[in-house]
Amino acid sequence: MDRHALRAALRAAGVADGYYRIAGVHEPVPTPPDFLFLRKGPDGAWETGAYERGTYQVIARHPSESAACAHLLRLLT
């Protein structure tokens, strides 16, 4: 699964748009006060985590986009 397929799966599952941010695919505007995220880290690893009170907190780092997508899907459904 890639980020675009993840976005489609979350929409199909009825997960509200403001609950998550997927870098380059789904970036809600205005930015919600808190959400779960998926992004590529500065070293190239994929990260999933939570944004809360203006701070990004990485929960897990993943070796591949598909592993990160699967993790975010589990967190949100």
N, C-alpha and C. Protein backbone atom coordinates (compact mmCIF):
# COMPACT_ATOMS: atom_id res chain seq x y z
N MET A 1 0.86 -1.18 0.00
CA MET A 1 0.00 0.00 0.00
C MET A 1 0.90 1.24 0.00
N ASP A 2 0.54 2.21 -0.84
CA ASP A 2 1.26 3.48 -0.82
C ASP A 2 0.36 4.55 -0.19
N ARG A 3 0.84 5.78 -0.13
CA ARG A 3 0.10 6.85 0.54
C ARG A 3 -1.24 7.14 -0.13
N HIS A 4 -1.30 7.03 -1.45
CA HIS A 4 -2.56 7.30 -2.15
C HIS A 4 -3.59 6.21 -1.83
N ALA A 5 -3.16 4.96 -1.81
CA ALA A 5 -4.06 3.86 -1.45
C ALA A 5 -4.50 3.98 0.01
N LEU A 6 -3.61 4.42 0.87
CA LEU A 6 -3.97 4.64 2.28
C LEU A 6 -5.06 5.69 2.39
N ARG A 7 -4.91 6.78 1.69
CA ARG A 7 -5.93 7.85 1.71
C ARG A 7 -7.28 7.30 1.27
N ALA A 8 -7.29 6.51 0.22
CA ALA A 8 -8.54 5.92 -0.27
C ALA A 8 -9.13 4.97 0.77
N ALA A 9 -8.28 4.17 1.42
CA ALA A 9 -8.77 3.22 2.43
C ALA A 9 -9.35 3.95 3.64
N LEU A 10 -8.73 5.05 4.04
CA LEU A 10 -9.24 5.82 5.18
C LEU A 10 -10.57 6.48 4.84
N ARG A 11 -10.68 6.98 3.63
CA ARG A 11 -11.96 7.58 3.20
C ARG A 11 -13.05 6.51 3.17
N ALA A 12 -12.73 5.33 2.63
CA ALA A 12 -13.71 4.24 2.55
C ALA A 12 -14.14 3.78 3.94
N ALA A 13 -13.22 3.87 4.90
CA ALA A 13 -13.53 3.46 6.28
C ALA A 13 -14.29 4.55 7.04
N GLY A 14 -14.44 5.72 6.43
CA GLY A 14 -15.19 6.80 7.07
C GLY A 14 -14.40 7.58 8.11
N VAL A 15 -13.07 7.52 8.05
CA VAL A 15 -12.24 8.27 8.99
C VAL A 15 -12.28 9.75 8.60
N ALA A 16 -12.59 10.61 9.54
CA ALA A 16 -12.72 12.04 9.28
C ALA A 16 -11.39 12.63 8.80
N ASP A 17 -11.48 13.54 7.82
CA ASP A 17 -10.29 14.15 7.23
C ASP A 17 -9.38 14.84 8.24
N GLY A 18 -9.93 15.41 9.28
CA GLY A 18 -9.13 16.13 10.26
C GLY A 18 -8.37 15.27 11.23
N TYR A 19 -8.54 13.96 11.17
CA TYR A 19 -7.87 13.06 12.11
C TYR A 19 -6.46 12.70 11.69
N TYR A 20 -6.09 13.01 10.45
CA TYR A 20 -4.78 12.56 9.97
C TYR A 20 -4.23 13.49 8.90
N ARG A 21 -2.92 13.38 8.71
CA ARG A 21 -2.20 14.11 7.67
C ARG A 21 -1.23 13.14 7.01
N ILE A 22 -1.28 13.07 5.70
CA ILE A 22 -0.37 12.21 4.93
C ILE A 22 0.44 13.15 4.04
N ALA A 23 1.71 13.28 4.33
CA ALA A 23 2.55 14.24 3.61
C ALA A 23 2.47 14.04 2.10
N GLY A 24 2.18 15.14 1.40
CA GLY A 24 2.12 15.11 -0.05
C GLY A 24 0.85 14.55 -0.65
N VAL A 25 -0.05 14.04 0.20
CA VAL A 25 -1.28 13.42 -0.30
C VAL A 25 -2.52 14.03 0.34
N HIS A 26 -2.52 14.18 1.64
CA HIS A 26 -3.67 14.73 2.36
C HIS A 26 -3.15 15.64 3.47
N GLU A 27 -3.28 16.94 3.25
CA GLU A 27 -2.82 17.94 4.21
C GLU A 27 -3.96 18.91 4.45
N PRO A 28 -4.83 18.62 5.43
CA PRO A 28 -6.03 19.43 5.64
C PRO A 28 -5.72 20.89 5.97
N VAL A 29 -6.57 21.78 5.43
CA VAL A 29 -6.46 23.21 5.68
C VAL A 29 -7.82 23.69 6.15
N PRO A 30 -7.90 24.39 7.26
CA PRO A 30 -6.79 24.75 8.14
C PRO A 30 -6.26 23.52 8.88
N THR A 31 -5.04 23.64 9.38
CA THR A 31 -4.43 22.54 10.10
C THR A 31 -5.19 22.28 11.39
N PRO A 32 -5.63 21.04 11.62
CA PRO A 32 -6.33 20.71 12.87
C PRO A 32 -5.39 20.88 14.07
N PRO A 33 -5.94 21.04 15.27
CA PRO A 33 -5.09 21.21 16.46
C PRO A 33 -4.32 19.95 16.84
N ASP A 34 -4.85 18.80 16.46
CA ASP A 34 -4.14 17.55 16.72
C ASP A 34 -4.57 16.51 15.69
N PHE A 35 -3.63 15.63 15.31
CA PHE A 35 -3.89 14.62 14.29
C PHE A 35 -2.76 13.61 14.29
N LEU A 36 -3.00 12.47 13.65
CA LEU A 36 -1.95 11.49 13.40
C LEU A 36 -1.34 11.79 12.04
N PHE A 37 -0.08 11.45 11.86
CA PHE A 37 0.58 11.79 10.61
C PHE A 37 1.44 10.65 10.08
N LEU A 38 1.72 10.75 8.79
CA LEU A 38 2.68 9.89 8.09
C LEU A 38 3.54 10.81 7.24
N ARG A 39 4.85 10.68 7.38
CA ARG A 39 5.77 11.52 6.61
C ARG A 39 7.09 10.80 6.43
N LYS A 40 7.88 11.30 5.51
CA LYS A 40 9.23 10.79 5.31
C LYS A 40 10.17 11.63 6.18
N GLY A 41 10.95 10.98 7.01
CA GLY A 41 11.87 11.67 7.90
C GLY A 41 13.08 12.20 7.18
N PRO A 42 13.88 13.02 7.85
CA PRO A 42 15.05 13.62 7.22
C PRO A 42 16.11 12.61 6.77
N ASP A 43 16.10 11.44 7.37
CA ASP A 43 17.08 10.40 6.98
C ASP A 43 16.53 9.43 5.95
N GLY A 44 15.30 9.67 5.48
CA GLY A 44 14.70 8.82 4.46
C GLY A 44 13.79 7.72 5.00
N ALA A 45 13.79 7.50 6.31
CA ALA A 45 12.88 6.51 6.92
C ALA A 45 11.48 7.13 6.99
N TRP A 46 10.48 6.27 6.95
CA TRP A 46 9.10 6.74 7.07
C TRP A 46 8.72 6.80 8.54
N GLU A 47 7.96 7.84 8.91
CA GLU A 47 7.57 8.05 10.30
C GLU A 47 6.06 8.15 10.42
N THR A 48 5.53 7.58 11.48
CA THR A 48 4.14 7.78 11.87
C THR A 48 4.17 8.36 13.27
N GLY A 49 3.18 9.19 13.56
CA GLY A 49 3.17 9.80 14.88
C GLY A 49 1.95 10.66 15.11
N ALA A 50 2.04 11.50 16.13
CA ALA A 50 0.94 12.38 16.51
C ALA A 50 1.42 13.82 16.59
N TYR A 51 0.58 14.72 16.14
CA TYR A 51 0.82 16.15 16.27
C TYR A 51 -0.16 16.64 17.31
N GLU A 52 0.36 17.25 18.34
CA GLU A 52 -0.50 17.71 19.42
C GLU A 52 0.13 18.94 20.07
N ARG A 53 -0.68 19.98 20.24
CA ARG A 53 -0.23 21.22 20.88
C ARG A 53 1.01 21.80 20.22
N GLY A 54 1.05 21.75 18.89
CA GLY A 54 2.13 22.34 18.15
C GLY A 54 3.41 21.54 18.07
N THR A 55 3.36 20.28 18.51
CA THR A 55 4.56 19.45 18.53
C THR A 55 4.32 18.13 17.81
N TYR A 56 5.28 17.77 16.94
CA TYR A 56 5.23 16.46 16.28
C TYR A 56 5.94 15.45 17.18
N GLN A 57 5.26 14.34 17.47
CA GLN A 57 5.84 13.26 18.27
C GLN A 57 5.84 11.99 17.42
N VAL A 58 7.02 11.52 17.06
CA VAL A 58 7.13 10.31 16.25
C VAL A 58 6.83 9.11 17.15
N ILE A 59 5.89 8.27 16.72
CA ILE A 59 5.53 7.05 17.45
C ILE A 59 6.38 5.89 16.96
N ALA A 60 6.56 5.81 15.63
CA ALA A 60 7.31 4.69 15.06
C ALA A 60 8.01 5.12 13.78
N ARG A 61 9.12 4.46 13.50
CA ARG A 61 9.87 4.66 12.25
C ARG A 61 9.80 3.36 11.47
N HIS A 62 9.67 3.49 10.14
CA HIS A 62 9.45 2.32 9.30
C HIS A 62 10.43 2.30 8.13
N PRO A 63 10.85 1.10 7.72
CA PRO A 63 11.81 0.99 6.63
C PRO A 63 11.20 1.24 5.24
N SER A 64 9.86 1.18 5.16
CA SER A 64 9.21 1.35 3.86
C SER A 64 7.92 2.15 3.98
N GLU A 65 7.51 2.73 2.87
CA GLU A 65 6.25 3.46 2.81
C GLU A 65 5.08 2.53 3.13
N SER A 66 5.11 1.31 2.60
CA SER A 66 4.00 0.39 2.82
C SER A 66 3.86 0.01 4.30
N ALA A 67 4.97 -0.16 5.00
CA ALA A 67 4.90 -0.48 6.43
C ALA A 67 4.34 0.70 7.22
N ALA A 68 4.74 1.91 6.85
CA ALA A 68 4.22 3.10 7.53
C ALA A 68 2.73 3.27 7.27
N CYS A 69 2.31 3.03 6.03
CA CYS A 69 0.89 3.14 5.69
C CYS A 69 0.06 2.12 6.47
N ALA A 70 0.55 0.90 6.56
CA ALA A 70 -0.17 -0.14 7.31
C ALA A 70 -0.30 0.25 8.78
N HIS A 71 0.75 0.85 9.34
CA HIS A 71 0.71 1.25 10.74
C HIS A 71 -0.31 2.37 10.96
N LEU A 72 -0.32 3.39 10.11
CA LEU A 72 -1.28 4.47 10.27
C LEU A 72 -2.70 3.97 10.09
N LEU A 73 -2.90 3.06 9.15
CA LEU A 73 -4.23 2.48 8.96
C LEU A 73 -4.70 1.76 10.21
N ARG A 74 -3.82 1.00 10.85
CA ARG A 74 -4.19 0.32 12.10
C ARG A 74 -4.50 1.32 13.21
N LEU A 75 -3.75 2.40 13.27
CA LEU A 75 -4.00 3.40 14.32
C LEU A 75 -5.35 4.10 14.15
N LEU A 76 -5.79 4.26 12.92
CA LEU A 76 -7.00 5.04 12.65
C LEU A 76 -8.27 4.22 12.48
N THR A 77 -8.14 2.91 12.34
CA THR A 77 -9.36 2.11 12.14
C THR A 77 -9.51 1.06 13.22
